[in-house]
């Protein structure tokens, strides 16, 4: 049986508002890409519709 490898992640948080905004945008982009890969077209449309209703 092959041993599973673990990944280590180091997170350095910015101290400035601008840095936090950049980090937030990058994190949102990563989550959006993951979501696009995981949902089919119907599920994605339902998600978008639910966000539209929240506006």
N, C-alpha and C. Protein backbone atom coordinates (compact mmCIF):
# COMPACT_ATOMS: atom_id res chain seq x y z
N UNK A 1 0.83 -1.18 0.00
CA UNK A 1 0.00 0.00 0.00
C UNK A 1 0.88 1.25 0.00
N UNK A 2 0.60 2.15 -0.91
CA UNK A 2 1.40 3.37 -1.03
C UNK A 2 1.00 4.37 0.06
N UNK A 3 2.01 4.92 0.70
CA UNK A 3 1.77 5.91 1.75
C UNK A 3 1.31 7.23 1.12
N UNK A 4 0.27 7.81 1.69
CA UNK A 4 -0.22 9.11 1.21
C UNK A 4 0.74 10.20 1.65
N UNK A 5 0.98 11.12 0.74
CA UNK A 5 1.85 12.24 1.07
C UNK A 5 1.03 13.39 1.61
N UNK A 6 1.61 14.14 2.51
CA UNK A 6 0.97 15.32 3.07
C UNK A 6 1.63 16.57 2.50
N UNK A 7 0.88 17.62 2.43
CA UNK A 7 1.41 18.89 1.97
C UNK A 7 1.44 19.85 3.14
N UNK A 8 2.47 20.67 3.18
CA UNK A 8 2.56 21.71 4.19
C UNK A 8 2.33 23.04 3.50
N UNK A 9 1.56 23.89 4.15
CA UNK A 9 1.27 25.20 3.60
C UNK A 9 1.64 26.24 4.64
N UNK A 10 2.40 27.23 4.22
CA UNK A 10 2.73 28.34 5.09
C UNK A 10 1.89 29.54 4.65
N UNK A 11 1.29 30.19 5.60
CA UNK A 11 0.43 31.33 5.30
C UNK A 11 0.99 32.56 5.99
N UNK A 12 1.29 33.55 5.21
CA UNK A 12 1.77 34.82 5.75
C UNK A 12 0.71 35.86 5.44
N UNK A 13 0.11 36.39 6.47
CA UNK A 13 -0.98 37.34 6.28
C UNK A 13 -0.43 38.77 6.25
N UNK A 14 -0.93 39.57 5.31
CA UNK A 14 -0.47 40.94 5.20
C UNK A 14 -1.02 41.81 6.33
N UNK A 15 -0.28 42.85 6.65
CA UNK A 15 -0.70 43.74 7.73
C UNK A 15 -1.51 44.93 7.21
N UNK A 16 -1.41 45.23 5.93
CA UNK A 16 -2.09 46.40 5.39
C UNK A 16 -3.46 46.03 4.83
N UNK A 17 -4.33 47.02 4.72
CA UNK A 17 -5.65 46.80 4.14
C UNK A 17 -5.51 46.39 2.68
N UNK A 18 -4.58 47.03 1.96
CA UNK A 18 -4.37 46.69 0.56
C UNK A 18 -3.92 45.24 0.41
N UNK A 19 -3.02 44.82 1.28
CA UNK A 19 -2.54 43.44 1.25
C UNK A 19 -3.64 42.45 1.55
N UNK A 20 -4.50 42.80 2.51
CA UNK A 20 -5.63 41.94 2.85
C UNK A 20 -6.61 41.85 1.69
N UNK A 21 -6.81 42.96 0.98
CA UNK A 21 -7.70 42.95 -0.19
C UNK A 21 -7.15 42.05 -1.29
N UNK A 22 -5.84 42.10 -1.50
CA UNK A 22 -5.20 41.24 -2.51
C UNK A 22 -5.36 39.78 -2.12
N UNK A 23 -5.13 39.47 -0.85
CA UNK A 23 -5.27 38.10 -0.36
C UNK A 23 -6.71 37.62 -0.50
N UNK A 24 -7.66 38.46 -0.16
CA UNK A 24 -9.08 38.10 -0.26
C UNK A 24 -9.47 37.81 -1.71
N UNK A 25 -8.99 38.63 -2.63
CA UNK A 25 -9.29 38.43 -4.05
C UNK A 25 -8.67 37.13 -4.56
N UNK A 26 -7.43 36.87 -4.17
CA UNK A 26 -6.77 35.63 -4.60
C UNK A 26 -7.50 34.41 -4.05
N UNK A 27 -7.91 34.47 -2.80
CA UNK A 27 -8.62 33.36 -2.16
C UNK A 27 -9.97 33.14 -2.85
N UNK A 28 -10.67 34.22 -3.16
CA UNK A 28 -11.96 34.11 -3.85
C UNK A 28 -11.78 33.48 -5.22
N UNK A 29 -10.71 33.83 -5.92
CA UNK A 29 -10.45 33.24 -7.24
C UNK A 29 -10.19 31.74 -7.14
N UNK A 30 -9.43 31.33 -6.14
CA UNK A 30 -9.16 29.90 -5.95
C UNK A 30 -10.46 29.15 -5.67
N UNK A 31 -11.29 29.70 -4.78
CA UNK A 31 -12.57 29.05 -4.47
C UNK A 31 -13.48 28.99 -5.69
N UNK A 32 -13.48 30.04 -6.50
CA UNK A 32 -14.31 30.06 -7.70
C UNK A 32 -13.85 28.98 -8.68
N UNK A 33 -12.55 28.82 -8.86
CA UNK A 33 -12.04 27.79 -9.76
C UNK A 33 -12.39 26.38 -9.28
N UNK A 34 -12.29 26.16 -7.98
CA UNK A 34 -12.66 24.86 -7.42
C UNK A 34 -14.14 24.60 -7.64
N UNK A 35 -14.95 25.61 -7.39
CA UNK A 35 -16.40 25.48 -7.57
C UNK A 35 -16.75 25.15 -9.00
N UNK A 36 -16.10 25.81 -9.95
CA UNK A 36 -16.37 25.55 -11.37
C UNK A 36 -16.04 24.11 -11.75
N UNK A 37 -15.00 23.57 -11.15
CA UNK A 37 -14.60 22.19 -11.46
C UNK A 37 -15.54 21.17 -10.83
N UNK A 38 -16.15 21.51 -9.69
CA UNK A 38 -16.95 20.56 -8.94
C UNK A 38 -18.43 20.53 -9.34
N UNK A 39 -18.97 21.65 -9.80
CA UNK A 39 -20.40 21.73 -10.09
C UNK A 39 -20.68 21.53 -11.57
N UNK A 40 -21.81 20.90 -11.85
CA UNK A 40 -22.23 20.81 -13.25
C UNK A 40 -22.97 22.11 -13.60
N UNK A 41 -23.37 22.25 -14.85
CA UNK A 41 -23.97 23.51 -15.33
C UNK A 41 -25.24 23.87 -14.56
N UNK A 42 -26.09 22.88 -14.29
CA UNK A 42 -27.34 23.15 -13.57
C UNK A 42 -27.06 23.62 -12.15
N UNK A 43 -26.13 22.95 -11.46
CA UNK A 43 -25.79 23.33 -10.09
C UNK A 43 -25.17 24.72 -10.06
N UNK A 44 -24.32 25.01 -11.04
CA UNK A 44 -23.68 26.32 -11.11
C UNK A 44 -24.72 27.42 -11.33
N UNK A 45 -25.69 27.16 -12.20
CA UNK A 45 -26.75 28.14 -12.45
C UNK A 45 -27.55 28.39 -11.17
N UNK A 46 -27.86 27.34 -10.43
CA UNK A 46 -28.60 27.49 -9.17
C UNK A 46 -27.80 28.32 -8.16
N UNK A 47 -26.50 28.09 -8.11
CA UNK A 47 -25.64 28.86 -7.21
C UNK A 47 -25.63 30.33 -7.59
N UNK A 48 -25.47 30.61 -8.88
CA UNK A 48 -25.47 32.00 -9.35
C UNK A 48 -26.80 32.66 -9.07
N UNK A 49 -27.89 31.94 -9.31
CA UNK A 49 -29.22 32.49 -9.03
C UNK A 49 -29.39 32.83 -7.55
N UNK A 50 -28.87 31.97 -6.68
CA UNK A 50 -28.99 32.24 -5.25
C UNK A 50 -28.19 33.49 -4.86
N UNK A 51 -27.04 33.69 -5.49
CA UNK A 51 -26.25 34.91 -5.23
C UNK A 51 -26.97 36.15 -5.75
N UNK A 52 -27.60 36.02 -6.92
CA UNK A 52 -28.33 37.15 -7.49
C UNK A 52 -29.47 37.58 -6.56
N UNK A 53 -30.14 36.61 -5.94
CA UNK A 53 -31.25 36.91 -5.04
C UNK A 53 -30.77 37.64 -3.79
N UNK A 54 -29.53 37.40 -3.38
CA UNK A 54 -28.98 38.01 -2.18
C UNK A 54 -28.65 39.49 -2.37
N UNK A 55 -28.52 39.92 -3.62
CA UNK A 55 -28.15 41.32 -3.89
C UNK A 55 -29.23 42.27 -3.50
